[in-house]
Amino acid sequence: MKINGYKPTGEVFKAYQQNKVDKNKSNKASQPAADSVQLSHEAKFKKEIENTLKELPEVREDIVNKLKKEIQAGTYKPDAHKIADGILQERLLDKEI
């Protein structure tokens, strides 16, 4: 019995490898570009505010030193109305949250 078109195993393997390489090249070329994200103006503004707040010192030394001096000198007079307003505002905020 004679089989026409028979190729040795080595040649078949080479053809398979070449086909595999060609497919990989075509897959890479057809892949879409990397994902990207576009932030809204509101998100950008929020990020700017967050960055600005991070730059602010946790303790405002100038105000603390001023109050210390006033307390030591006996000239510190807190405004009772401002304190009461602050307490009420804080309570209102707690109810909203």
Protein backbone atom coordinates (compact mmCIF):
# COMPACT_ATOMS: atom_id res chain seq x y z
CA MET A 1 0.00 0.00 0.00
CA LYS A 2 1.33 3.40 -0.97
CA ILE A 3 0.30 6.66 0.77
CA ASN A 4 0.71 9.84 -1.26
CA GLY A 5 1.44 13.15 0.39
CA TYR A 6 3.11 11.65 3.45
CA LYS A 7 5.48 14.05 5.21
CA PRO A 8 7.98 13.06 7.85
CA THR A 9 7.04 13.96 11.43
CA GLY A 10 9.71 16.67 11.67
CA GLU A 11 8.18 18.64 8.81
CA VAL A 12 4.68 18.40 10.28
CA PHE A 13 6.00 19.60 13.65
CA LYS A 14 7.74 22.58 12.00
CA ALA A 15 4.53 23.56 10.23
CA TYR A 16 2.62 23.32 13.52
CA GLN A 17 5.17 25.52 15.32
CA GLN A 18 5.11 28.10 12.52
CA ASN A 19 1.30 28.22 12.64
CA LYS A 20 1.43 28.68 16.42
CA VAL A 21 3.86 31.62 16.11
CA ASP A 22 1.74 33.25 13.39
CA LYS A 23 -1.39 33.03 15.55
CA ASN A 24 0.39 34.65 18.52
CA LYS A 25 1.52 37.55 16.34
CA SER A 26 -1.95 38.13 14.96
CA ASN A 27 -3.52 37.98 18.46
CA LYS A 28 -1.12 40.60 19.79
CA ALA A 29 -1.79 42.90 16.86
CA SER A 30 -5.57 42.63 17.21
CA GLN A 31 -5.69 43.23 20.98
CA PRO A 32 -7.21 46.58 21.98
CA ALA A 33 -5.12 49.27 23.63
CA ALA A 34 -4.79 49.33 27.41
CA ASP A 35 -7.78 50.40 29.50
CA SER A 36 -8.02 54.02 30.48
CA VAL A 37 -10.09 56.08 32.91
CA GLN A 38 -11.29 59.64 32.52
CA LEU A 39 -12.33 61.47 35.66
CA SER A 40 -15.19 63.96 35.71
CA HIS A 41 -14.60 67.58 36.64
CA GLU A 42 -16.25 66.94 40.00
CA ALA A 43 -13.93 64.02 40.74
CA LYS A 44 -10.88 66.10 39.79
CA PHE A 45 -12.08 68.93 42.02
CA LYS A 46 -12.65 66.53 44.91
CA LYS A 47 -9.13 65.12 44.45
CA GLU A 48 -7.67 68.66 44.52
CA ILE A 49 -9.52 69.37 47.78
CA GLU A 50 -8.26 66.12 49.32
CA ASN A 51 -4.68 66.94 48.34
CA THR A 52 -4.97 70.46 49.76
CA LEU A 53 -6.37 69.13 53.04
CA LYS A 54 -3.49 66.65 53.30
CA GLU A 55 -1.04 69.54 53.03
CA LEU A 56 -2.63 71.42 55.93
CA PRO A 57 -0.97 70.86 59.29
CA GLU A 58 -2.91 68.79 61.78
CA VAL A 59 -2.29 71.35 64.54
CA ARG A 60 -2.27 75.05 63.71
CA GLU A 61 0.64 76.12 65.89
CA ASP A 62 0.05 79.85 65.38
CA ILE A 63 -3.48 79.70 66.83
CA VAL A 64 -2.44 77.37 69.65
CA ASN A 65 0.43 79.69 70.66
CA LYS A 66 -1.84 82.75 70.51
CA LEU A 67 -4.42 81.09 72.76
CA LYS A 68 -1.73 79.92 75.20
CA LYS A 69 -0.44 83.46 75.55
CA GLU A 70 -3.95 84.85 76.10
CA ILE A 71 -4.74 82.20 78.72
CA GLN A 72 -1.43 82.78 80.54
CA ALA A 73 -1.96 86.55 80.46
CA GLY A 74 -5.57 86.18 81.64
CA THR A 75 -6.94 88.01 78.60
CA TYR A 76 -8.68 85.04 76.97
CA LYS A 77 -12.42 85.67 76.84
CA PRO A 78 -14.31 82.93 74.99
CA ASP A 79 -17.58 83.96 73.31
CA ALA A 80 -20.36 81.90 74.91
CA HIS A 81 -22.68 82.49 71.94
CA LYS A 82 -20.13 81.10 69.46
CA ILE A 83 -19.58 78.04 71.66
CA ALA A 84 -23.34 77.42 71.92
CA ASP A 85 -23.79 77.86 68.16
CA GLY A 86 -20.97 75.38 67.53
CA ILE A 87 -22.56 72.81 69.83
CA LEU A 88 -25.94 73.21 68.14
CA GLN A 89 -24.43 72.94 64.66
CA GLU A 90 -22.61 69.77 65.66
CA ARG A 91 -25.87 68.25 67.00
CA LEU A 92 -27.69 69.13 63.77
CA LEU A 93 -24.92 67.51 61.75
CA ASP A 94 -25.15 64.36 63.86
CA LYS A 95 -28.89 64.14 63.14
CA GLU A 96 -28.32 64.53 59.37
CA ILE A 97 -25.77 61.73 59.29
